[in-house]
C-alpha atoms as a PDB file:
ATOM      1  CA  ILE A   1     -58.054   7.503 -28.283  1.00  0.00           C
ATOM      2  CA  CYS A   2     -57.423   3.825 -28.784  1.00  0.00           C
ATOM      3  CA  ARG A   3     -55.900   4.811 -31.360  1.00  0.00           C
ATOM      4  CA  LEU A   4     -53.759   7.240 -30.376  1.00  0.00           C
ATOM      5  CA  LEU A   5     -52.507   4.698 -27.611  1.00  0.00           C
ATOM      6  CA  MET A   6     -52.364   1.902 -30.445  1.00  0.00           C
ATOM      7  CA  SER A   7     -49.886   4.319 -32.859  1.00  0.00           C
ATOM      8  CA  LEU A   8     -48.174   4.673 -29.227  1.00  0.00           C
ATOM      9  CA  ALA A   9     -47.858   1.396 -28.569  1.00  0.00           C
ATOM     10  CA  THR A  10     -46.950  -0.080 -31.877  1.00  0.00           C
ATOM     11  CA  GLY A  11     -45.021   3.066 -33.738  1.00  0.00           C
ATOM     12  CA  ILE A  12     -47.305   3.015 -36.801  1.00  0.00           C
ATOM     13  CA  ASN A  13     -49.433   6.167 -37.416  1.00  0.00           C
ATOM     14  CA  ILE A  14     -52.915   4.154 -37.437  1.00  0.00           C
ATOM     15  CA  GLN A  15     -55.153   5.788 -40.288  1.00  0.00           C
ATOM     16  CA  GLY A  16     -58.683   3.962 -41.267  1.00  0.00           C
ATOM     17  CA  GLU A  17     -59.708   0.453 -40.205  1.00  0.00           C
ATOM     18  CA  GLU A  18     -57.371  -1.606 -42.228  1.00  0.00           C
ATOM     19  CA  MET A  19     -54.064  -0.156 -40.343  1.00  0.00           C
ATOM     20  CA  GLU A  20     -56.163  -0.597 -37.287  1.00  0.00           C
ATOM     21  CA  LYS A  21     -56.440  -4.088 -37.919  1.00  0.00           C
ATOM     22  CA  ALA A  22     -52.556  -4.457 -38.854  1.00  0.00           C
ATOM     23  CA  GLY A  23     -51.936  -2.379 -35.451  1.00  0.00           C
ATOM     24  CA  PHE A  24     -53.528  -4.543 -33.611  1.00  0.00           C
ATOM     25  CA  LEU A  25     -52.001  -7.768 -34.152  1.00  0.00           C
ATOM     26  CA  VAL A  26     -48.544  -5.979 -34.028  1.00  0.00           C
ATOM     27  CA  MET A  27     -50.370  -5.274 -30.140  1.00  0.00           C
ATOM     28  CA  LYS A  28     -51.386  -8.437 -29.837  1.00  0.00           C
ATOM     29  CA  ASN A  29     -47.915 -10.484 -30.179  1.00  0.00           C
ATOM     30  CA  THR A  30     -46.152  -7.391 -27.760  1.00  0.00           C
ATOM     31  CA  TYR A  31     -48.688  -6.343 -25.261  1.00  0.00           C
ATOM     32  CA  SER A  32     -50.667  -8.645 -22.774  1.00  0.00           C
ATOM     33  CA  GLU A  33     -53.636  -9.669 -23.106  1.00  0.00           C
ATOM     34  CA  ASP A  34     -55.990  -7.465 -20.961  1.00  0.00           C
ATOM     35  CA  LEU A  35     -54.625  -4.154 -22.826  1.00  0.00           C
ATOM     36  CA  CYS A  36     -55.448  -5.892 -26.072  1.00  0.00           C
ATOM     37  CA  GLY A  37     -59.062  -6.864 -25.110  1.00  0.00           C
ATOM     38  CA  VAL A  38     -59.303  -3.426 -23.852  1.00  0.00           C
ATOM     39  CA  VAL A  39     -58.350  -1.650 -26.863  1.00  0.00           C
ATOM     40  CA  SER A  40     -60.248  -3.802 -28.898  1.00  0.00           C
ATOM     41  CA  PHE A  41     -63.530  -3.863 -27.121  1.00  0.00           C
ATOM     42  CA  VAL A  42     -63.383   0.111 -27.448  1.00  0.00           C
ATOM     43  CA  LEU A  43     -62.126  -0.058 -30.890  1.00  0.00           C
ATOM     44  CA  PHE A  44     -64.052  -2.537 -32.374  1.00  0.00           C
ATOM     45  CA  ASN A  45     -67.031  -1.965 -30.707  1.00  0.00           C
ATOM     46  CA  SER A  46     -67.440   1.887 -31.687  1.00  0.00           C
ATOM     47  CA  HIS A  47     -67.415   1.132 -35.393  1.00  0.00           C
ATOM     48  CA  ASP A  48     -70.551  -0.657 -34.784  1.00  0.00           C
ATOM     49  CA  ASN A  49     -73.566   2.107 -34.606  1.00  0.00           C
ATOM     50  CA  THR A  50     -74.412   0.845 -31.414  1.00  0.00           C
ATOM     51  CA  LYS A  51     -73.723   3.143 -28.411  1.00  0.00           C
ATOM     52  CA  LEU A  52     -69.950   3.716 -27.396  1.00  0.00           C
ATOM     53  CA  PRO A  53     -68.661   2.120 -24.395  1.00  0.00           C
ATOM     54  CA  THR A  54     -68.226   4.016 -21.089  1.00  0.00           C
ATOM     55  CA  VAL A  55     -65.552   4.079 -18.823  1.00  0.00           C
ATOM     56  CA  TRP A  56     -67.361   1.746 -16.274  1.00  0.00           C
ATOM     57  CA  ASP A  57     -67.721  -0.808 -19.446  1.00  0.00           C
ATOM     58  CA  VAL A  58     -63.679  -0.383 -19.682  1.00  0.00           C
ATOM     59  CA  GLN A  59     -63.017  -0.343 -16.352  1.00  0.00           C
ATOM     60  CA  SER A  60     -64.837  -3.499 -15.871  1.00  0.00           C
ATOM     61  CA  LEU A  61     -62.251  -5.415 -18.027  1.00  0.00           C
ATOM     62  CA  SER A  62     -59.139  -4.390 -16.436  1.00  0.00           C
ATOM     63  CA  TRP A  63     -60.322  -3.671 -12.814  1.00  0.00           C
ATOM     64  CA  HIS A  64     -57.999  -6.760 -11.558  1.00  0.00           C
ATOM     65  CA  ARG A  65     -54.891  -4.739 -12.574  1.00  0.00           C
ATOM     66  CA  LEU A  66     -56.048  -1.183 -11.218  1.00  0.00           C
ATOM     67  CA  VAL A  67     -56.764  -3.010  -7.739  1.00  0.00           C
ATOM     68  CA  ASP A  68     -53.196  -4.674  -8.034  1.00  0.00           C
ATOM     69  CA  GLU A  69     -52.062  -1.237  -8.728  1.00  0.00           C
ATOM     70  CA  LEU A  70     -53.687   0.660  -5.737  1.00  0.00           C
ATOM     71  CA  HIS A  71     -52.311  -1.784  -3.632  1.00  0.00           C
ATOM     72  CA  HIS A  72     -49.623  -1.737  -4.930  1.00  0.00           C
ATOM     73  CA  THR A  73     -48.778   1.981  -3.970  1.00  0.00           C
ATOM     74  CA  TYR A  74     -50.428   1.414  -1.002  1.00  0.00           C
ATOM     75  CA  THR A  75     -47.723  -0.748  -0.190  1.00  0.00           C
ATOM     76  CA  HIS A  76     -44.861   1.759  -1.075  1.00  0.00           C
ATOM     77  CA  ILE A  77     -46.264   4.859   0.577  1.00  0.00           C
ATOM     78  CA  ASP A  78     -46.953   2.869   3.822  1.00  0.00           C
ATOM     79  CA  TYR A  79     -42.909   1.860   3.350  1.00  0.00           C
ATOM     80  CA  LEU A  80     -41.467   5.498   2.529  1.00  0.00           C
ATOM     81  CA  GLN A  81     -43.872   6.910   5.815  1.00  0.00           C
ATOM     82  CA  ASN A  82     -42.049   4.294   7.592  1.00  0.00           C
ATOM     83  CA  GLN A  83     -38.693   5.449   6.499  1.00  0.00           C
ATOM     84  CA  LEU A  84     -39.714   8.926   7.307  1.00  0.00           C
ATOM     85  CA  ALA A  85     -40.410   8.322  10.592  1.00  0.00           C
ATOM     86  CA  LYS A  86     -37.103   6.962  11.113  1.00  0.00           C
ATOM     87  CA  GLU A  87     -35.610   9.822   9.509  1.00  0.00           C
ATOM     88  CA  HIS A  88     -37.790  11.801  11.722  1.00  0.00           C
ATOM     89  CA  GLN A  89     -36.820  10.349  14.742  1.00  0.00           C
ATOM     90  CA  ASN A  90     -33.401  10.051  13.746  1.00  0.00           C
ATOM     91  CA  GLY A  91     -33.135  13.952  14.134  1.00  0.00           C
ATOM     92  CA  ARG A  92     -35.089  14.275  17.147  1.00  0.00           C
ATOM     93  CA  LEU A  93     -31.684  11.997  18.834  1.00  0.00           C
ATOM     94  CA  PHE A  94     -29.374  13.802  16.631  1.00  0.00           C
ATOM     95  CA  SER A  95     -30.593  16.567  18.407  1.00  0.00           C
ATOM     96  CA  LEU A  96     -31.106  15.919  21.664  1.00  0.00           C
ATOM     97  CA  ILE A  97     -27.603  14.615  21.858  1.00  0.00           C
ATOM     98  CA  ALA A  98     -26.497  18.042  20.499  1.00  0.00           C
ATOM     99  CA  LYS A  99     -27.988  19.647  23.100  1.00  0.00           C
ATOM    100  CA  LEU A 100     -26.566  17.758  25.966  1.00  0.00           C
ATOM    101  CA  GLY A 101     -23.100  17.910  24.310  1.00  0.00           C
ATOM    102  CA  TYR A 102     -23.587  21.756  24.312  1.00  0.00           C
ATOM    103  CA  ILE A 103     -24.326  21.800  27.786  1.00  0.00           C
ATOM    104  CA  THR A 104     -21.706  19.079  29.305  1.00  0.00           C
ATOM    105  CA  GLU A 105     -18.458  20.643  26.929  1.00  0.00           C
ATOM    106  CA  ARG A 106     -18.869  24.136  27.918  1.00  0.00           C
ATOM    107  CA  PRO A 107     -15.017  25.497  28.595  1.00  0.00           C
ATOM    108  CA  GLU A 108     -16.477  27.666  31.582  1.00  0.00           C
ATOM    109  CA  HIS A 109     -17.067  24.345  32.664  1.00  0.00           C
ATOM    110  CA  LYS A 110     -13.275  22.978  31.993  1.00  0.00           C
ATOM    111  CA  ASP A 111     -12.182  22.918  35.950  1.00  0.00           C
ATOM    112  CA  ASP A 112     -15.576  22.736  37.662  1.00  0.00           C
ATOM    113  CA  PRO A 113     -15.233  19.331  39.622  1.00  0.00           C
ATOM    114  CA  LYS A 114     -18.952  18.897  39.627  1.00  0.00           C
ATOM    115  CA  TRP A 115     -18.833  18.516  35.664  1.00  0.00           C
ATOM    116  CA  SER A 116     -15.517  16.540  35.744  1.00  0.00           C
ATOM    117  CA  GLU A 117     -15.527  12.642  35.084  1.00  0.00           C
ATOM    118  CA  THR A 118     -16.215  11.738  38.706  1.00  0.00           C
ATOM    119  CA  GLY A 119     -18.797  14.047  39.814  1.00  0.00           C
ATOM    120  CA  ASP A 120     -22.315  13.480  40.348  1.00  0.00           C
ATOM    121  CA  ARG A 121     -23.042  15.190  36.700  1.00  0.00           C
ATOM    122  CA  TYR A 122     -21.132  12.295  35.092  1.00  0.00           C
ATOM    123  CA  ILE A 123     -24.395  10.481  33.777  1.00  0.00           C
ATOM    124  CA  ILE A 124     -24.334  13.709  31.292  1.00  0.00           C
ATOM    125  CA  LYS A 125     -21.202  13.739  30.572  1.00  0.00           C
END
């Protein structure tokens, strides 16, 4: 997986250990130290005859980036929910205004003095 990641990041087809080292140098000059640390940890530790790194090992190297990303995601979700609530409230107000307009502007009440500009229903109109 790290070879694929390095190939995508560098644009070099990574085949063999020499290409891995060359691709890693290109990544080191271009990308963050955290990403290079994760790639080197996974890629170069897997060549040893020891056990392969687990997901938990990789996560421990990049946890602060994950937490930051999660925080930004939740902040954006809160913003979108607030905007949606505003739009919902605007829709409810428009619906109420439309209903009141329908009631007050009916043609059968055109000449009725109770629905005139000075009647007791003027507040609604």
